[in-house]
Amino acid sequence: MTTYSAVRTTGIYCRPGCGAKPLAENVSTFELPAAAEAAGYRACLRCRPYRVAGTVADETPELVCRAVQLIITGLLDESGEEALGARLGVSARHLRRMFNEHLGVTPDQFARSRRAHFARRLLDDSDLSIADIAFASGFGSLRQFNRAMREIFRASPRELRDRRRRGDRLAADGGLVLRLPFTPPYDWEAMCAFLGSRAIPGVESVEGGVYRRTISLDGEPGVLEVGPGGDDHLILRAHLPYWEGVMHVVDRAACLVGLDCEPVRAREHLAADPEFGPLVAARPGVRVPGAWGPFEVAVSAVVRDQLPPEDATDALHKLVEVYGVPVPGLAHGLTHAFPGPAALADAELVGPLAREVADGNIVLDGEVKPLARVMSKRAAEEVALRLGARDAWPLPGESERLRPWRSLAAVYQLVNEL
C-alpha cells in the first residue's frame, strides 16, 4: 500500500521515492492523497503524487469499500452523503465516521480529491479544453472546478496546464488516451488471460495483449482499449460519444482490470498457504478483476454455470446478436453493445434474472444472498467476486483457511488453470 509523506514545515505532501529529504520529526504519513489534502497539505510539484494509484487498503471494512465503489460510479456528483448512506443502509453520520476512521477523510472530501486529481491528469496528458476537463472530471461548474483546483494544487487550471512537462502529453489517432496508474507488482498478462477466458463475443475482445470492449453511455456507443504502458501504468484509449463524466468511465475501466485495490494483506495471507504460496511467488502481481457492467457479468455467470464452456460462449454470442445494440464499423470482432435487463426479460436461461433486475428487486452490488433466487450459489459467488467482494469463492473444494481473501485465491487458481 502506498503511503504519502507530508512535511509540516513546508505544507507539502510527497509520494514514495521523491527526492525531497525532510527531517523525520517533521513528517506525517497518510494513506491517501485526499487525507493529506484534508489536513491542509498540497501536492508536491516535483513527484506529482496525483499520478500514482491511490488505492484503498484491502483491509478497509467492506462498507467503506462499497461506498468507494459507489463514489467511483458518480453517486456523489449530483447527490450528497445522505443519499450515499441511504444506498448502503446507514446514516450519513455513521458513514462519515467510518470514512474518517479508516481513510482520514469524509466521503465528500474523498470524492472531491478524486475529481481534482483526475482533472490534473487530463491537464497533463490531454489537449481537452479546460471547460471540457471540468465536466469530464465530474465538476458541476467551472467556478466549482477552479475553486477546487486552487484549494488542492494552489494554482489555477491554466497555470497547471502551463506547467506540464514535455513527456506528459499522450497523443493518439482519435479518442482520448490516459494512463491508468498502478503500484507494482501488477500482472497484465494474467489479467488478459482471465478476461479473455470470459470475453463475450461481439462485446469484448482480447488480442495481442490488448483488451477491447464496447460500452454504452446514455444509449450512445463507445469503445475502450486497455493495454500495457509502462512499469507503473497501463494505457487506456477511450472512444466516447461525449466528454462529460469521463472520470467515471476511466475509474470503471480501472476497476475492470483490477486497479482499484492493491491486495497487500491478501497476498501476504495467501503467500503463507502451502497450496497458494507457490502461485503467489510465481505471479505476485495477480489482482482480482472487476466488471464494466454488473448485469453483463451476472448474465455471463448464469449462462456459463448452465452450459459447457464452448456452448456457453456461443449462447452469449447469440444473446448479443439478437438482443444487443448494433455498433457498426468496429474491428477486432466488436459488433454490439451488451443488452440491458429489459431487453433480456424473455430470453432463455437469463429471463428470471433480467426481470428481477429490471423491476428493481435485485441490486447487483456484490451481495450473494439476493442472487440465490435466480442463480446457483456458484454463479452468485462468481458475480460477487467480479463486483468487489473480497471473500467470494466460486470454485469447488475446501476454502475456509483462505478467509477472508478467497476472491484473490480463486483468481490465482483460475489463472493457473488457463
Protein backbone atom coordinates (compact mmCIF):
# COMPACT_ATOMS: atom_id res chain seq x y z
CA MET A 1 0.00 0.00 0.00
CA THR A 2 1.41 3.40 -1.00
CA THR A 3 1.77 5.95 1.80
CA TYR A 4 2.32 9.67 1.32
CA SER A 5 4.76 11.75 3.37
CA ALA A 6 3.53 15.20 4.45
CA VAL A 7 6.08 17.74 5.68
CA ARG A 8 4.70 20.07 8.33
CA THR A 9 7.33 22.79 7.78
CA THR A 10 6.54 23.15 4.06
CA GLY A 11 2.85 22.15 3.90
CA ILE A 12 3.62 19.74 1.03
CA TYR A 13 2.96 16.02 0.70
CA CYS A 14 5.00 13.65 -1.50
CA ARG A 15 4.83 10.13 -2.84
CA PRO A 16 7.46 7.45 -2.05
CA GLY A 17 10.75 7.98 -3.87
CA CYS A 18 10.51 11.77 -4.02
CA GLY A 19 13.91 13.46 -3.90
CA ALA A 20 12.91 15.70 -1.00
CA LYS A 21 14.80 14.90 2.23
CA PRO A 22 12.86 16.38 5.16
CA LEU A 23 13.73 15.73 8.80
CA ALA A 24 11.86 12.69 10.11
CA GLU A 25 10.38 14.64 13.04
CA ASN A 26 8.67 16.99 10.58
CA VAL A 27 6.96 14.22 8.60
CA SER A 28 3.46 12.80 8.94
CA THR A 29 2.18 9.93 6.78
CA PHE A 30 -1.17 9.48 5.06
CA GLU A 31 -2.54 6.50 3.16
CA LEU A 32 -4.48 8.64 0.67
CA PRO A 33 -3.77 11.98 -1.03
CA ALA A 34 -7.28 13.08 -0.05
CA ALA A 35 -6.40 12.67 3.64
CA ALA A 36 -3.25 14.78 3.26
CA GLU A 37 -5.23 17.45 1.42
CA ALA A 38 -7.97 17.44 4.07
CA ALA A 39 -5.23 18.11 6.62
CA GLY A 40 -4.13 21.19 4.65
CA TYR A 41 -1.20 19.87 2.57
CA ARG A 42 -0.74 20.41 -1.16
CA ALA A 43 0.74 18.01 -3.71
CA CYS A 44 4.47 18.15 -4.41
CA LEU A 45 5.28 19.70 -7.80
CA ARG A 46 8.35 17.50 -8.22
CA CYS A 47 7.00 13.97 -7.66
CA ARG A 48 3.36 14.72 -8.61
CA PRO A 49 1.55 12.26 -6.31
CA TYR A 50 -1.67 12.66 -8.28
CA ARG A 51 -0.09 10.41 -10.93
CA VAL A 52 0.19 7.46 -8.51
CA ALA A 53 -2.53 4.85 -7.97
CA GLY A 54 -4.33 5.98 -4.81
CA THR A 55 -5.91 2.65 -3.93
CA VAL A 56 -7.86 1.95 -0.76
CA ALA A 57 -6.15 -0.56 1.56
CA ASP A 58 -7.56 -4.06 1.15
CA GLU A 59 -8.20 -4.42 4.89
CA THR A 60 -10.60 -1.46 4.81
CA PRO A 61 -14.10 -2.50 6.00
CA GLU A 62 -16.48 -3.76 3.33
CA LEU A 63 -18.94 -0.92 3.99
CA VAL A 64 -16.30 1.70 3.19
CA CYS A 65 -15.16 -0.22 0.10
CA ARG A 66 -18.74 -0.42 -1.19
CA ALA A 67 -19.15 3.31 -0.58
CA VAL A 68 -15.96 3.99 -2.52
CA GLN A 69 -17.28 1.90 -5.41
CA LEU A 70 -20.47 3.97 -5.46
CA ILE A 71 -18.44 7.19 -5.41
CA ILE A 72 -16.45 5.87 -8.37
CA THR A 73 -19.69 5.43 -10.33
CA GLY A 74 -20.51 9.10 -9.68
CA LEU A 75 -23.17 8.88 -6.96
CA LEU A 76 -21.83 12.00 -5.20
CA ASP A 77 -21.64 14.10 -8.36
CA GLU A 78 -25.27 15.16 -8.02
CA SER A 79 -26.23 13.76 -4.59
CA GLY A 80 -24.97 14.20 -1.06
CA GLU A 81 -23.63 11.96 1.66
CA GLU A 82 -27.20 11.30 2.84
CA ALA A 83 -28.02 9.61 -0.49
CA LEU A 84 -24.82 7.57 -0.29
CA GLY A 85 -25.64 6.42 3.23
CA ALA A 86 -29.22 5.56 2.26
CA ARG A 87 -27.96 3.41 -0.60
CA LEU A 88 -25.84 1.47 1.90
CA GLY A 89 -28.48 1.33 4.63
CA VAL A 90 -26.62 3.52 7.14
CA SER A 91 -26.84 7.15 8.27
CA ALA A 92 -24.64 9.81 6.69
CA ARG A 93 -23.17 10.47 10.15
CA HIS A 94 -22.13 6.83 10.56
CA LEU A 95 -20.66 6.80 7.06
CA ARG A 96 -18.61 9.94 7.75
CA ARG A 97 -17.34 8.39 10.97
CA MET A 98 -16.28 5.21 9.14
CA PHE A 99 -14.54 7.20 6.39
CA ASN A 100 -12.71 9.42 8.88
CA GLU A 101 -11.61 6.42 10.92
CA HIS A 102 -10.34 4.32 8.01
CA LEU A 103 -9.48 6.81 5.24
CA GLY A 104 -8.90 10.06 7.11
CA VAL A 105 -11.49 11.98 5.07
CA THR A 106 -15.24 12.36 4.65
CA PRO A 107 -16.95 10.86 1.59
CA ASP A 108 -17.34 14.35 0.09
CA GLN A 109 -13.64 15.12 0.60
CA PHE A 110 -12.68 11.80 -0.94
CA ALA A 111 -14.85 12.43 -3.99
CA ARG A 112 -13.59 15.99 -4.47
CA SER A 113 -9.97 14.87 -4.28
CA ARG A 114 -10.57 12.18 -6.90
CA ARG A 115 -12.17 14.72 -9.24
CA ALA A 116 -9.30 17.16 -8.81
CA HIS A 117 -6.61 14.53 -9.31
CA PHE A 118 -8.30 13.19 -12.43
CA ALA A 119 -8.61 16.73 -13.79
CA ARG A 120 -4.91 17.30 -13.14
CA ARG A 121 -4.08 14.18 -15.13
CA LEU A 122 -6.21 15.42 -18.02
CA LEU A 123 -4.47 18.79 -17.90
CA ASP A 124 -1.12 16.99 -18.20
CA ASP A 125 -1.96 14.19 -20.61
CA SER A 126 -4.62 15.52 -22.96
CA ASP A 127 -5.38 18.54 -25.12
CA LEU A 128 -9.00 18.80 -23.98
CA SER A 129 -10.12 22.34 -23.24
CA ILE A 130 -10.27 23.43 -19.61
CA ALA A 131 -14.07 23.60 -19.80
CA ASP A 132 -14.23 20.04 -21.17
CA ILE A 133 -11.89 18.85 -18.41
CA ALA A 134 -14.08 20.39 -15.71
CA PHE A 135 -17.15 18.46 -16.81
CA ALA A 136 -15.20 15.32 -17.73
CA SER A 137 -13.98 15.23 -14.13
CA GLY A 138 -17.45 15.40 -12.61
CA PHE A 139 -17.47 19.06 -11.52
CA GLY A 140 -20.82 20.80 -11.76
CA SER A 141 -19.48 24.17 -12.92
CA LEU A 142 -16.30 25.94 -13.98
CA ARG A 143 -16.40 28.03 -10.80
CA GLN A 144 -16.51 24.90 -8.65
CA PHE A 145 -13.69 23.38 -10.73
CA ASN A 146 -11.43 26.44 -10.44
CA ARG A 147 -12.03 26.73 -6.70
CA ALA A 148 -11.21 23.05 -6.06
CA MET A 149 -8.01 23.16 -8.15
CA ARG A 150 -6.78 26.28 -6.36
CA GLU A 151 -7.52 24.78 -2.95
CA ILE A 152 -5.84 21.45 -3.68
CA PHE A 153 -2.99 22.45 -6.03
CA ARG A 154 -2.62 26.17 -5.11
CA ALA A 155 -2.87 27.15 -8.79
CA SER A 156 -5.49 27.71 -11.48
CA PRO A 157 -6.17 25.06 -14.14
CA ARG A 158 -4.49 27.31 -16.75
CA GLU A 159 -1.37 27.64 -14.61
CA LEU A 160 -1.30 23.88 -14.02
CA ARG A 161 -1.54 23.13 -17.75
CA ASP A 162 1.32 25.55 -18.44
CA ARG A 163 3.48 23.52 -16.03
CA ARG A 164 3.08 20.18 -17.79
CA ARG A 165 6.27 18.52 -18.91
CA ARG A 166 7.42 17.58 -22.36
CA GLY A 167 6.78 13.85 -21.88
CA ASP A 168 3.32 14.26 -20.34
CA ARG A 169 1.09 14.72 -23.36
CA LEU A 170 -0.30 11.47 -24.76
CA ALA A 171 -1.20 11.80 -28.43
CA ALA A 172 -3.30 9.25 -30.31
CA ASP A 173 -5.07 8.79 -33.57
CA GLY A 174 -8.58 9.55 -32.34
CA GLY A 175 -10.05 9.08 -28.90
CA LEU A 176 -8.74 10.10 -25.51
CA VAL A 177 -5.58 8.47 -24.16
CA LEU A 178 -4.81 8.27 -20.45
CA ARG A 179 -2.51 6.42 -18.11
CA LEU A 180 -4.09 4.00 -15.64
CA PRO A 181 -1.56 4.05 -12.77
CA PHE A 182 -0.81 1.09 -10.52
CA THR A 183 1.62 0.23 -7.77
CA PRO A 184 3.82 -2.72 -8.85
CA PRO A 185 3.67 -5.66 -8.93
CA TYR A 186 0.86 -5.97 -11.45
CA ASP A 187 0.43 -8.91 -13.83
CA TRP A 188 -1.26 -7.65 -17.01
CA GLU A 189 -0.67 -10.98 -18.76
CA ALA A 190 -2.67 -12.79 -16.06
CA MET A 191 -5.45 -10.21 -16.23
CA CYS A 192 -5.65 -10.56 -20.02
CA ALA A 193 -5.86 -14.33 -19.68
CA PHE A 194 -8.68 -14.09 -17.14
CA LEU A 195 -10.67 -11.52 -19.12
CA GLY A 196 -10.05 -13.37 -22.38
CA SER A 197 -11.38 -16.63 -20.95
CA ARG A 198 -14.65 -14.88 -20.08
CA ALA A 199 -14.90 -12.47 -23.01
CA ILE A 200 -18.39 -12.15 -24.53
CA PRO A 201 -18.06 -12.35 -28.34
CA GLY A 202 -19.17 -9.18 -30.08
CA VAL A 203 -18.78 -7.13 -26.87
CA GLU A 204 -15.28 -7.96 -25.65
CA SER A 205 -12.01 -8.92 -27.31
CA VAL A 206 -8.51 -9.75 -26.13
CA GLU A 207 -5.90 -9.72 -28.90
CA GLY A 208 -2.16 -9.15 -28.78
CA GLY A 209 -2.15 -8.17 -25.12
CA VAL A 210 -4.88 -5.53 -25.56
CA TYR A 211 -8.35 -5.75 -24.03
CA ARG A 212 -11.12 -4.03 -26.01
CA ARG A 213 -14.83 -3.68 -25.41
CA THR A 214 -17.91 -1.77 -26.47
CA ILE A 215 -19.75 0.37 -23.95
CA SER A 216 -22.95 2.41 -23.91
CA LEU A 217 -23.24 5.84 -22.28
CA ASP A 218 -26.82 7.09 -22.06
CA GLY A 219 -27.65 4.98 -25.10
CA GLU A 220 -24.69 6.22 -27.17
CA PRO A 221 -21.95 3.70 -28.11
CA GLY A 222 -18.26 3.90 -27.30
CA VAL A 223 -15.17 1.69 -27.29
CA LEU A 224 -12.46 1.19 -24.67
CA GLU A 225 -8.99 -0.27 -25.25
CA VAL A 226 -6.62 -1.15 -22.40
CA GLY A 227 -3.07 -2.31 -22.97
CA PRO A 228 0.42 -2.23 -21.47
CA GLY A 229 2.02 1.16 -20.95
CA GLY A 230 4.99 1.14 -18.58
CA ASP A 231 6.34 -0.18 -15.29
CA ASP A 232 3.68 1.63 -13.26
CA HIS A 233 0.76 2.18 -15.63
CA LEU A 234 -1.48 0.77 -18.33
CA ILE A 235 -2.69 2.82 -21.29
CA LEU A 236 -6.41 3.43 -21.81
CA ARG A 237 -7.74 4.61 -25.18
CA ALA A 238 -11.34 5.74 -24.95
CA HIS A 239 -13.50 6.45 -27.99
CA LEU A 240 -16.56 8.14 -26.49
CA PRO A 241 -19.66 9.99 -27.68
CA TYR A 242 -19.01 12.92 -25.30
CA TRP A 243 -16.55 14.01 -22.58
CA GLU A 244 -18.90 14.76 -19.69
CA GLY A 245 -18.29 12.36 -16.81
CA VAL A 246 -15.24 10.75 -18.46
CA MET A 247 -13.74 10.37 -15.00
CA HIS A 248 -16.24 7.65 -14.15
CA VAL A 249 -15.56 5.84 -17.42
CA VAL A 250 -11.85 5.80 -16.58
CA ASP A 251 -12.47 4.72 -12.98
CA ARG A 252 -14.74 1.89 -14.12
CA ALA A 253 -12.10 0.78 -16.63
CA ALA A 254 -9.52 0.75 -13.84
CA CYS A 255 -11.83 -1.37 -11.66
CA LEU A 256 -12.41 -3.75 -14.57
CA VAL A 257 -8.69 -4.55 -14.79
CA GLY A 258 -8.22 -4.78 -11.02
CA LEU A 259 -6.54 -1.44 -10.31
CA ASP A 260 -8.97 -0.19 -7.68
CA CYS A 261 -7.45 -2.18 -4.83
CA GLU A 262 -3.88 -3.31 -4.18
CA PRO A 263 -4.17 -6.70 -2.40
CA VAL A 264 -1.28 -6.32 0.04
CA ARG A 265 -2.84 -8.14 3.01
CA ALA A 266 -4.49 -10.74 0.81
CA ARG A 267 -1.21 -11.52 -0.93
CA GLU A 268 0.61 -11.88 2.41
CA HIS A 269 -2.08 -14.25 3.69
CA LEU A 270 -2.04 -16.47 0.61
CA ALA A 271 1.76 -16.47 0.44
CA ALA A 272 1.81 -18.40 3.72
CA ASP A 273 -0.55 -21.09 2.42
CA PRO A 274 1.09 -24.36 1.27
CA GLU A 275 -1.08 -24.61 -1.84
CA PHE A 276 -1.26 -20.97 -2.91
CA GLY A 277 2.14 -19.80 -1.68
CA PRO A 278 3.96 -21.08 -4.80
CA LEU A 279 1.36 -19.46 -7.06
CA VAL A 280 1.82 -16.11 -5.33
CA ALA A 281 5.60 -16.41 -5.52
CA ALA A 282 5.45 -17.17 -9.24
CA ARG A 283 2.98 -14.38 -10.08
CA PRO A 284 2.86 -11.79 -7.28
CA GLY A 285 1.09 -9.23 -9.46
CA VAL A 286 -2.24 -11.06 -9.88
CA ARG A 287 -5.24 -8.88 -8.95
CA VAL A 288 -8.98 -9.51 -8.70
CA PRO A 289 -10.68 -8.27 -11.89
CA GLY A 290 -13.79 -6.16 -11.68
CA ALA A 291 -16.62 -5.60 -14.14
CA TRP A 292 -17.64 -2.90 -16.56
CA GLY A 293 -21.32 -3.80 -16.27
CA PRO A 294 -22.70 -5.72 -13.26
CA PHE A 295 -25.67 -7.03 -15.26
CA GLU A 296 -23.41 -8.22 -18.05
CA VAL A 297 -21.28 -10.18 -15.58
CA ALA A 298 -24.38 -11.67 -13.94
CA VAL A 299 -25.79 -12.84 -17.28
CA SER A 300 -22.46 -14.37 -18.23
CA ALA A 301 -22.22 -16.19 -14.89
CA VAL A 302 -25.71 -17.68 -15.26
CA VAL A 303 -25.09 -18.89 -18.80
CA ARG A 304 -21.63 -20.30 -18.08
CA ASP A 305 -22.97 -22.06 -15.00
CA GLN A 306 -25.61 -23.95 -17.01
CA LEU A 307 -23.75 -24.81 -20.22
CA PRO A 308 -20.38 -26.31 -21.18
CA PRO A 309 -17.72 -23.65 -21.94
CA GLU A 310 -17.99 -23.64 -25.76
CA ASP A 311 -21.79 -23.83 -25.72
CA ALA A 312 -21.93 -21.01 -23.16
CA THR A 313 -19.75 -18.77 -25.32
CA ASP A 314 -21.95 -19.48 -28.34
CA ALA A 315 -25.10 -18.79 -26.32
CA LEU A 316 -23.74 -15.46 -25.08
CA HIS A 317 -22.79 -14.51 -28.63
CA LYS A 318 -26.34 -15.30 -29.79
CA LEU A 319 -27.83 -13.22 -26.95
CA VAL A 320 -25.69 -10.28 -28.03
CA GLU A 321 -26.61 -10.67 -31.70
CA VAL A 322 -30.35 -11.00 -31.05
CA TYR A 323 -30.86 -8.54 -28.17
CA GLY A 324 -27.78 -6.29 -28.20
CA VAL A 325 -27.45 -2.83 -29.74
CA PRO A 326 -25.51 -2.97 -33.05
CA VAL A 327 -22.36 -0.83 -33.21
CA PRO A 328 -21.24 -0.95 -36.85
CA GLY A 329 -17.82 -0.26 -38.28
CA LEU A 330 -15.64 -1.67 -35.50
CA ALA A 331 -12.68 -4.03 -35.76
CA HIS A 332 -11.44 -6.91 -33.56
CA GLY A 333 -14.80 -8.70 -33.66
CA LEU A 334 -16.66 -5.98 -31.78
CA THR A 335 -20.19 -5.66 -33.13
CA HIS A 336 -22.68 -4.84 -30.35
CA ALA A 337 -23.18 -3.16 -27.00
CA PHE A 338 -24.46 -5.57 -24.35
CA PRO A 339 -28.28 -5.52 -23.90
CA GLY A 340 -29.90 -4.18 -20.74
CA PRO A 341 -32.17 -6.07 -18.32
CA ALA A 342 -35.45 -5.05 -20.02
CA ALA A 343 -34.24 -6.39 -23.37
CA LEU A 344 -33.47 -9.82 -21.90
CA ALA A 345 -36.63 -10.19 -19.80
CA ASP A 346 -37.92 -13.03 -22.01
CA ALA A 347 -34.57 -14.52 -23.03
CA GLU A 348 -33.87 -18.20 -22.43
CA LEU A 349 -31.77 -19.05 -19.33
CA VAL A 350 -31.43 -15.44 -18.11
CA GLY A 351 -35.04 -14.18 -18.22
CA PRO A 352 -35.69 -14.56 -14.46
CA LEU A 353 -32.50 -12.66 -13.60
CA ALA A 354 -33.24 -9.92 -16.14
CA ARG A 355 -36.79 -9.40 -14.86
CA GLU A 356 -35.71 -9.19 -11.22
CA VAL A 357 -33.01 -6.63 -12.07
CA ALA A 358 -35.31 -4.64 -14.37
CA ASP A 359 -38.01 -4.49 -11.68
CA GLY A 360 -35.50 -3.36 -9.04
CA ASN A 361 -35.94 -6.46 -6.91
CA ILE A 362 -32.25 -7.32 -7.20
CA VAL A 363 -29.47 -4.75 -6.94
CA LEU A 364 -26.19 -6.04 -8.30
CA ASP A 365 -23.76 -4.78 -5.67
CA GLY A 366 -21.70 -7.81 -4.68
CA GLU A 367 -24.15 -9.33 -2.17
CA VAL A 368 -24.57 -13.08 -2.74
CA LYS A 369 -27.81 -13.77 -0.87
CA PRO A 370 -30.28 -11.87 -3.14
CA LEU A 371 -28.82 -13.59 -6.21
CA ALA A 372 -29.66 -17.07 -4.88
CA ARG A 373 -33.26 -16.61 -6.08
CA VAL A 374 -32.23 -16.56 -9.74
CA MET A 375 -28.93 -18.42 -9.98
CA SER A 376 -26.84 -21.11 -8.35
CA LYS A 377 -24.55 -20.44 -5.39
CA ARG A 378 -21.52 -20.89 -7.64
CA ALA A 379 -22.75 -18.33 -10.16
CA ALA A 380 -23.68 -15.90 -7.38
CA GLU A 381 -20.17 -16.20 -5.93
CA GLU A 382 -18.69 -15.53 -9.39
CA VAL A 383 -20.76 -12.35 -9.69
CA ALA A 384 -19.80 -11.25 -6.17
CA LEU A 385 -16.10 -11.76 -6.96
CA ARG A 386 -16.32 -9.54 -10.05
CA LEU A 387 -18.28 -6.87 -8.17
CA GLY A 388 -15.69 -6.35 -5.46
CA ALA A 389 -16.42 -8.90 -2.73
CA ARG A 390 -13.10 -9.87 -1.14
CA ASP A 391 -14.24 -13.27 0.16
CA ALA A 392 -16.16 -14.85 -2.73
CA TRP A 393 -15.46 -18.48 -3.65
CA PRO A 394 -16.95 -19.70 -6.97
CA LEU A 395 -14.87 -22.89 -7.03
CA PRO A 396 -15.34 -26.39 -5.59
CA GLY A 397 -13.30 -27.60 -2.65
CA GLU A 398 -12.48 -26.55 0.91
CA SER A 399 -11.60 -22.89 1.33
CA GLU A 400 -12.17 -21.87 4.95
CA ARG A 401 -8.44 -21.46 5.62
CA LEU A 402 -8.31 -18.81 2.87
CA ARG A 403 -10.79 -16.44 4.52
CA PRO A 404 -11.20 -13.50 4.29
CA TRP A 405 -9.27 -13.32 1.00
CA ARG A 406 -10.87 -16.11 -1.02
CA SER A 407 -11.56 -13.91 -4.06
CA LEU A 408 -7.87 -13.43 -4.78
CA ALA A 409 -7.23 -17.13 -4.11
CA ALA A 410 -9.94 -18.06 -6.63
CA VAL A 411 -8.41 -15.81 -9.28
CA TYR A 412 -4.98 -17.37 -8.67
CA GLN A 413 -6.43 -20.85 -9.15
CA LEU A 414 -8.39 -19.85 -12.26
CA VAL A 415 -5.40 -18.12 -13.86
CA ASN A 416 -3.19 -21.11 -13.06
CA GLU A 417 -5.63 -23.38 -14.92
CA LEU A 418 -5.67 -21.28 -18.10
